[in-house]
Amino acid sequence: MAASAQKTGNSDLSDQTISFIQELSEAVALSDKCVLVTTLPASTSEVANSQNASQIFNSLSNRLSRVSADTKPVADDEIFEVIRRRLFENTGNKDQIEQIISHYMMIKKGHSK
């Protein structure tokens, strides 16, 4: 995280950012009419290209988990079925629907025409 290189007093900008996220999440948790939606990278390699990426990721994760409700509305393996139902259920000819789905899957796999 580039913020780690920015020294501010006895800490650095990444430490201050993590502290800010903790204070923000705690303030939101105390509010009746406020919601904070956050996402974290899937892995430490997506956080930063530095030696302390794992520490930054773990700090953010720990601070957010203190007051969070971890919600994942759809599992990864369910996404295709949810999209198929929402887009194609009761909307036409089954052969056309299957053709569109097949085309979409080809594009997703990098085999577009």
Foldseek 3Di string as FASTA:
>chain_A
DVQQVADDPPGTRLVVVLVVLLVVLVVQLPDPPHDDDDDADPDLVVQDPDPCSVVSRVSNVVSNVVRDDDDDPDDPVCVLVVCLCVPPPPPDDPVVSVVVSVQVVCVVVPNHD
